[in-house]
Amino acid sequence: MAITFPSAGVVLAAGAGTRYGVPKALARAADGTPWVQLATEKLLDGGCSQVTVVLGASAAEARELVPRDPRVHTVVESHWTDGMGTSLRAAMRHLEASAPPSVSSAAITLVDLPDLPVAVVKRLLSGVKITSLRQAVFAGRPGHPVIVGRQHWADFSGTLHGDTGGREYLREHGVREIEAGDLWSGRDIDVR
């Protein structure tokens, strides 16, 4: 199925990775590929026209692992210790200020999903519109990516703070759950 309008991707990679032992933005797959590179490439290959990577912990080191590609932008959130909501708000504000008018939505994922199949991204982006709110679910369990249509960006961003993400906004505004359990487990990697 074709993607109706271009989408922007967001990779949240600002956390310290306390349970993992190092910031996950510095983590690498068994073959040495940085997770941040994998996440960025999955979004681009899945149909995103650009990707914003949000860094925080060990940002200087992590920035070196972000693909050097004109479609990839890096935002460093200085208040990353406040929580994921703060990092996501930074990404959304960056998109509001910089995404071309043709970009219809944001596809949000986490850096600690190195096994995310491109097929999941494509499924969620298929036919996306500026009014879309979608969330991947895996055997009914909510996960990522999450799609936020451009019409929602400002209001969605306004609900993000500290460690409060967008879950309530999505629920209150009728997020459409897209089952992807046939493609993948949806599990993030928290420990080595």
C-alpha atoms as a PDB file:
ATOM      1  CA  MET A   1       0.000   0.000   0.000  1.00  0.00           C
ATOM      2  CA  ALA A   2       1.325   3.441  -0.895  1.00  0.00           C
ATOM      3  CA  ILE A   3       1.980   6.182   1.600  1.00  0.00           C
ATOM      4  CA  THR A   4      -0.359   9.086   0.890  1.00  0.00           C
ATOM      5  CA  PHE A   5       1.795  11.943   2.224  1.00  0.00           C
ATOM      6  CA  PRO A   6       5.385  12.148   3.458  1.00  0.00           C
ATOM      7  CA  SER A   7       5.977  11.661   7.170  1.00  0.00           C
ATOM      8  CA  ALA A   8       8.752  12.744   9.481  1.00  0.00           C
ATOM      9  CA  GLY A   9      10.372  10.222  11.780  1.00  0.00           C
ATOM     10  CA  VAL A  10      11.404  10.722  15.390  1.00  0.00           C
ATOM     11  CA  VAL A  11      13.916   8.553  17.261  1.00  0.00           C
ATOM     12  CA  LEU A  12      13.901   9.048  21.027  1.00  0.00           C
ATOM     13  CA  ALA A  13      17.445   8.305  22.213  1.00  0.00           C
ATOM     14  CA  ALA A  14      18.069  10.715  25.098  1.00  0.00           C
ATOM     15  CA  GLY A  15      17.908   8.475  28.170  1.00  0.00           C
ATOM     16  CA  ALA A  16      20.752   7.272  30.373  1.00  0.00           C
ATOM     17  CA  GLY A  17      19.936   3.572  29.885  1.00  0.00           C
ATOM     18  CA  THR A  18      20.255   2.918  33.613  1.00  0.00           C
ATOM     19  CA  ARG A  19      18.994  -0.678  33.445  1.00  0.00           C
ATOM     20  CA  TYR A  20      20.994  -1.293  30.282  1.00  0.00           C
ATOM     21  CA  GLY A  21      24.239  -0.010  31.785  1.00  0.00           C
ATOM     22  CA  VAL A  22      25.020   2.714  29.208  1.00  0.00           C
ATOM     23  CA  PRO A  23      22.941   5.226  27.252  1.00  0.00           C
ATOM     24  CA  LYS A  24      21.086   3.244  24.603  1.00  0.00           C
ATOM     25  CA  ALA A  25      22.079   5.851  22.010  1.00  0.00           C
ATOM     26  CA  LEU A  26      25.567   4.325  22.339  1.00  0.00           C
ATOM     27  CA  ALA A  27      24.396   0.698  22.081  1.00  0.00           C
ATOM     28  CA  ARG A  28      25.313  -1.442  19.100  1.00  0.00           C
ATOM     29  CA  ALA A  29      23.893  -4.551  17.479  1.00  0.00           C
ATOM     30  CA  ALA A  30      25.940  -7.760  17.438  1.00  0.00           C
ATOM     31  CA  ASP A  31      27.406  -6.757  14.059  1.00  0.00           C
ATOM     32  CA  GLY A  32      28.547  -3.384  15.462  1.00  0.00           C
ATOM     33  CA  THR A  33      25.840  -1.235  13.881  1.00  0.00           C
ATOM     34  CA  PRO A  34      24.735   1.521  16.277  1.00  0.00           C
ATOM     35  CA  TRP A  35      21.120   1.230  17.417  1.00  0.00           C
ATOM     36  CA  VAL A  36      20.585   4.893  16.646  1.00  0.00           C
ATOM     37  CA  GLN A  37      21.617   4.221  13.047  1.00  0.00           C
ATOM     38  CA  LEU A  38      19.293   1.199  12.834  1.00  0.00           C
ATOM     39  CA  ALA A  39      16.325   3.175  14.163  1.00  0.00           C
ATOM     40  CA  THR A  40      16.966   6.047  11.772  1.00  0.00           C
ATOM     41  CA  GLU A  41      17.346   3.768   8.752  1.00  0.00           C
ATOM     42  CA  LYS A  42      14.184   1.805   9.632  1.00  0.00           C
ATOM     43  CA  LEU A  43      12.138   5.016   9.639  1.00  0.00           C
ATOM     44  CA  LEU A  44      13.662   6.242   6.364  1.00  0.00           C
ATOM     45  CA  ASP A  45      13.245   2.836   4.694  1.00  0.00           C
ATOM     46  CA  GLY A  46       9.688   2.654   6.049  1.00  0.00           C
ATOM     47  CA  GLY A  47       8.666   5.836   4.271  1.00  0.00           C
ATOM     48  CA  CYS A  48       9.748   8.831   6.345  1.00  0.00           C
ATOM     49  CA  SER A  49      11.150  11.708   4.326  1.00  0.00           C
ATOM     50  CA  GLN A  50      13.258  12.968   7.235  1.00  0.00           C
ATOM     51  CA  VAL A  51      14.171  11.849  10.760  1.00  0.00           C
ATOM     52  CA  THR A  52      14.834  13.813  13.945  1.00  0.00           C
ATOM     53  CA  VAL A  53      16.999  12.037  16.526  1.00  0.00           C
ATOM     54  CA  VAL A  54      16.699  13.343  20.093  1.00  0.00           C
ATOM     55  CA  LEU A  55      19.842  12.910  22.182  1.00  0.00           C
ATOM     56  CA  GLY A  56      20.583  13.702  25.817  1.00  0.00           C
ATOM     57  CA  ALA A  57      22.866  11.447  27.870  1.00  0.00           C
ATOM     58  CA  SER A  58      26.334  11.215  26.285  1.00  0.00           C
ATOM     59  CA  ALA A  59      25.085  13.418  23.449  1.00  0.00           C
ATOM     60  CA  ALA A  60      28.547  14.256  22.097  1.00  0.00           C
ATOM     61  CA  GLU A  61      29.452  10.571  21.727  1.00  0.00           C
ATOM     62  CA  ALA A  62      26.014   9.603  20.449  1.00  0.00           C
ATOM     63  CA  ARG A  63      25.985  12.358  17.830  1.00  0.00           C
ATOM     64  CA  GLU A  64      28.922  10.598  16.141  1.00  0.00           C
ATOM     65  CA  LEU A  65      26.721   7.506  15.678  1.00  0.00           C
ATOM     66  CA  VAL A  66      23.810   9.341  14.021  1.00  0.00           C
ATOM     67  CA  PRO A  67      23.894   8.797  10.245  1.00  0.00           C
ATOM     68  CA  ARG A  68      25.362  11.682   8.298  1.00  0.00           C
ATOM     69  CA  ASP A  69      22.517  12.220   5.902  1.00  0.00           C
ATOM     70  CA  PRO A  70      20.841  15.507   4.916  1.00  0.00           C
ATOM     71  CA  ARG A  71      17.477  13.939   5.814  1.00  0.00           C
ATOM     72  CA  VAL A  72      18.583  13.300   9.413  1.00  0.00           C
ATOM     73  CA  HIS A  73      18.515  16.036  12.063  1.00  0.00           C
ATOM     74  CA  THR A  74      19.780  15.885  15.637  1.00  0.00           C
ATOM     75  CA  VAL A  75      18.241  17.687  18.594  1.00  0.00           C
ATOM     76  CA  VAL A  76      20.014  17.663  21.954  1.00  0.00           C
ATOM     77  CA  GLU A  77      17.585  18.030  24.858  1.00  0.00           C
ATOM     78  CA  SER A  78      19.442  19.549  27.798  1.00  0.00           C
ATOM     79  CA  HIS A  79      16.661  18.593  30.230  1.00  0.00           C
ATOM     80  CA  TRP A  80      16.628  14.921  29.182  1.00  0.00           C
ATOM     81  CA  THR A  81      16.841  13.831  32.845  1.00  0.00           C
ATOM     82  CA  ASP A  82      13.296  15.164  33.330  1.00  0.00           C
ATOM     83  CA  GLY A  83      11.974  12.195  31.322  1.00  0.00           C
ATOM     84  CA  MET A  84      10.821  10.937  27.954  1.00  0.00           C
ATOM     85  CA  GLY A  85       7.993  13.463  27.699  1.00  0.00           C
ATOM     86  CA  THR A  86      10.516  16.296  27.719  1.00  0.00           C
ATOM     87  CA  SER A  87      12.539  14.677  24.929  1.00  0.00           C
ATOM     88  CA  LEU A  88       9.446  13.982  22.854  1.00  0.00           C
ATOM     89  CA  ARG A  89       8.288  17.587  23.295  1.00  0.00           C
ATOM     90  CA  ALA A  90      11.696  18.761  21.995  1.00  0.00           C
ATOM     91  CA  ALA A  91      11.260  16.580  18.899  1.00  0.00           C
ATOM     92  CA  MET A  92       7.723  17.796  18.257  1.00  0.00           C
ATOM     93  CA  ARG A  93       8.748  21.434  18.619  1.00  0.00           C
ATOM     94  CA  HIS A  94      11.615  20.848  16.203  1.00  0.00           C
ATOM     95  CA  LEU A  95       9.192  19.345  13.676  1.00  0.00           C
ATOM     96  CA  GLU A  96       6.685  22.163  14.104  1.00  0.00           C
ATOM     97  CA  ALA A  97       9.456  24.667  13.324  1.00  0.00           C
ATOM     98  CA  SER A  98      11.247  22.827  10.530  1.00  0.00           C
ATOM     99  CA  ALA A  99       9.103  20.212   8.755  1.00  0.00           C
ATOM    100  CA  PRO A 100       8.014  21.206   5.251  1.00  0.00           C
ATOM    101  CA  PRO A 101       4.251  21.840   4.886  1.00  0.00           C
ATOM    102  CA  SER A 102       3.913  18.615   2.862  1.00  0.00           C
ATOM    103  CA  VAL A 103       4.817  16.478   5.913  1.00  0.00           C
ATOM    104  CA  SER A 104       1.567  15.001   7.197  1.00  0.00           C
ATOM    105  CA  SER A 105       2.619  13.194  10.354  1.00  0.00           C
ATOM    106  CA  ALA A 106       5.343  12.144  12.760  1.00  0.00           C
ATOM    107  CA  ALA A 107       6.324   8.487  13.168  1.00  0.00           C
ATOM    108  CA  ILE A 108       7.788   8.142  16.667  1.00  0.00           C
ATOM    109  CA  THR A 109       9.965   5.236  17.766  1.00  0.00           C
ATOM    110  CA  LEU A 110      12.486   4.384  20.462  1.00  0.00           C
ATOM    111  CA  VAL A 111      16.198   3.699  20.010  1.00  0.00           C
ATOM    112  CA  ASP A 112      15.932   0.448  21.998  1.00  0.00           C
ATOM    113  CA  LEU A 113      13.946  -1.350  19.291  1.00  0.00           C
ATOM    114  CA  PRO A 114      16.843  -2.441  17.054  1.00  0.00           C
ATOM    115  CA  ASP A 115      14.848  -5.371  15.670  1.00  0.00           C
ATOM    116  CA  LEU A 116      11.899  -3.228  14.531  1.00  0.00           C
ATOM    117  CA  PRO A 117      11.018  -4.454  11.034  1.00  0.00           C
ATOM    118  CA  VAL A 118      10.610  -1.877   8.281  1.00  0.00           C
ATOM    119  CA  ALA A 119       7.312  -3.646   7.492  1.00  0.00           C
ATOM    120  CA  VAL A 120       5.844  -2.402  10.800  1.00  0.00           C
ATOM    121  CA  VAL A 121       6.738   1.203   9.938  1.00  0.00           C
ATOM    122  CA  LYS A 122       5.239   0.815   6.458  1.00  0.00           C
ATOM    123  CA  ARG A 123       2.033  -0.677   7.868  1.00  0.00           C
ATOM    124  CA  LEU A 124       1.533   2.221  10.257  1.00  0.00           C
ATOM    125  CA  LEU A 125       2.303   4.872   7.629  1.00  0.00           C
ATOM    126  CA  SER A 126       0.080   3.402   4.933  1.00  0.00           C
ATOM    127  CA  GLY A 127      -2.548   5.992   3.994  1.00  0.00           C
ATOM    128  CA  VAL A 128      -1.577   8.355   6.834  1.00  0.00           C
ATOM    129  CA  LYS A 129      -3.237  11.804   6.944  1.00  0.00           C
ATOM    130  CA  ILE A 130      -2.790  14.993   8.946  1.00  0.00           C
ATOM    131  CA  THR A 131      -5.604  13.827  11.247  1.00  0.00           C
ATOM    132  CA  SER A 132      -4.140  10.380  11.908  1.00  0.00           C
ATOM    133  CA  LEU A 133      -3.388   9.011  15.366  1.00  0.00           C
ATOM    134  CA  ARG A 134      -2.069   5.456  15.217  1.00  0.00           C
ATOM    135  CA  GLN A 135      -0.190   3.133  17.513  1.00  0.00           C
ATOM    136  CA  ALA A 136       1.401  -0.214  16.810  1.00  0.00           C
ATOM    137  CA  VAL A 137       0.089  -2.984  19.035  1.00  0.00           C
ATOM    138  CA  PHE A 138       1.618  -6.432  19.375  1.00  0.00           C
ATOM    139  CA  ALA A 139      -0.917  -9.117  20.318  1.00  0.00           C
ATOM    140  CA  GLY A 140      -2.956  -6.225  21.721  1.00  0.00           C
ATOM    141  CA  ARG A 141      -0.056  -4.742  23.748  1.00  0.00           C
ATOM    142  CA  PRO A 142       0.638  -1.065  22.892  1.00  0.00           C
ATOM    143  CA  GLY A 143       4.085  -0.287  21.518  1.00  0.00           C
ATOM    144  CA  HIS A 144       5.952   1.734  18.882  1.00  0.00           C
ATOM    145  CA  PRO A 145       5.933   3.259  16.370  1.00  0.00           C
ATOM    146  CA  VAL A 146       3.266   5.823  17.173  1.00  0.00           C
ATOM    147  CA  ILE A 147       1.940   8.069  14.414  1.00  0.00           C
ATOM    148  CA  VAL A 148       0.808  11.598  15.236  1.00  0.00           C
ATOM    149  CA  GLY A 149      -0.856  13.510  12.403  1.00  0.00           C
ATOM    150  CA  ARG A 150       0.260  17.100  11.902  1.00  0.00           C
ATOM    151  CA  GLN A 151      -3.125  18.470  12.952  1.00  0.00           C
ATOM    152  CA  HIS A 152      -2.378  17.108  16.456  1.00  0.00           C
ATOM    153  CA  TRP A 153       1.242  18.252  16.817  1.00  0.00           C
ATOM    154  CA  ALA A 154       0.722  21.451  18.839  1.00  0.00           C
ATOM    155  CA  ASP A 155      -1.905  19.996  21.206  1.00  0.00           C
ATOM    156  CA  PHE A 156       0.009  16.725  21.592  1.00  0.00           C
ATOM    157  CA  SER A 157       3.234  18.604  22.338  1.00  0.00           C
ATOM    158  CA  GLY A 158       1.421  20.671  24.961  1.00  0.00           C
ATOM    159  CA  THR A 159       0.642  17.544  26.983  1.00  0.00           C
ATOM    160  CA  LEU A 160       4.253  16.327  27.108  1.00  0.00           C
ATOM    161  CA  HIS A 161       6.334  17.094  30.168  1.00  0.00           C
ATOM    162  CA  GLY A 162       8.706  15.324  32.513  1.00  0.00           C
ATOM    163  CA  ASP A 163       8.161  11.603  32.282  1.00  0.00           C
ATOM    164  CA  THR A 164       4.622  12.011  30.966  1.00  0.00           C
ATOM    165  CA  GLY A 165       4.467  10.888  27.373  1.00  0.00           C
ATOM    166  CA  GLY A 166       1.574  11.042  24.950  1.00  0.00           C
ATOM    167  CA  ARG A 167      -0.372   7.953  26.066  1.00  0.00           C
ATOM    168  CA  GLU A 168      -3.274   9.918  27.588  1.00  0.00           C
ATOM    169  CA  TYR A 169      -3.551  12.240  24.611  1.00  0.00           C
ATOM    170  CA  LEU A 170      -3.668   9.290  22.238  1.00  0.00           C
ATOM    171  CA  ARG A 171      -6.336   7.523  24.297  1.00  0.00           C
ATOM    172  CA  GLU A 172      -8.480  10.641  24.720  1.00  0.00           C
ATOM    173  CA  HIS A 173      -8.337  11.434  21.004  1.00  0.00           C
ATOM    174  CA  GLY A 174      -9.206   7.990  19.702  1.00  0.00           C
ATOM    175  CA  VAL A 175      -5.884   6.509  18.660  1.00  0.00           C
ATOM    176  CA  ARG A 176      -6.325   3.770  16.085  1.00  0.00           C
ATOM    177  CA  GLU A 177      -4.479   0.643  17.124  1.00  0.00           C
ATOM    178  CA  ILE A 178      -2.708  -1.131  14.272  1.00  0.00           C
ATOM    179  CA  GLU A 179      -1.970  -4.777  15.047  1.00  0.00           C
ATOM    180  CA  ALA A 180       1.570  -5.721  14.057  1.00  0.00           C
ATOM    181  CA  GLY A 181       2.068  -8.861  16.141  1.00  0.00           C
ATOM    182  CA  ASP A 182       2.156 -10.913  12.956  1.00  0.00           C
ATOM    183  CA  LEU A 183       5.323  -9.033  11.973  1.00  0.00           C
ATOM    184  CA  TRP A 184       7.239  -8.793  15.259  1.00  0.00           C
ATOM    185  CA  SER A 185       7.071  -9.108  19.058  1.00  0.00           C
ATOM    186  CA  GLY A 186       7.367  -5.362  19.738  1.00  0.00           C
ATOM    187  CA  ARG A 187       9.794  -5.939  22.630  1.00  0.00           C
ATOM    188  CA  ASP A 188      12.295  -3.286  23.587  1.00  0.00           C
ATOM    189  CA  ILE A 189      15.708  -4.155  24.982  1.00  0.00           C
ATOM    190  CA  ASP A 190      16.200  -2.938  28.553  1.00  0.00           C
ATOM    191  CA  VAL A 191      19.106  -5.085  29.722  1.00  0.00           C
ATOM    192  CA  ARG A 192      22.221  -6.469  28.050  1.00  0.00           C
END
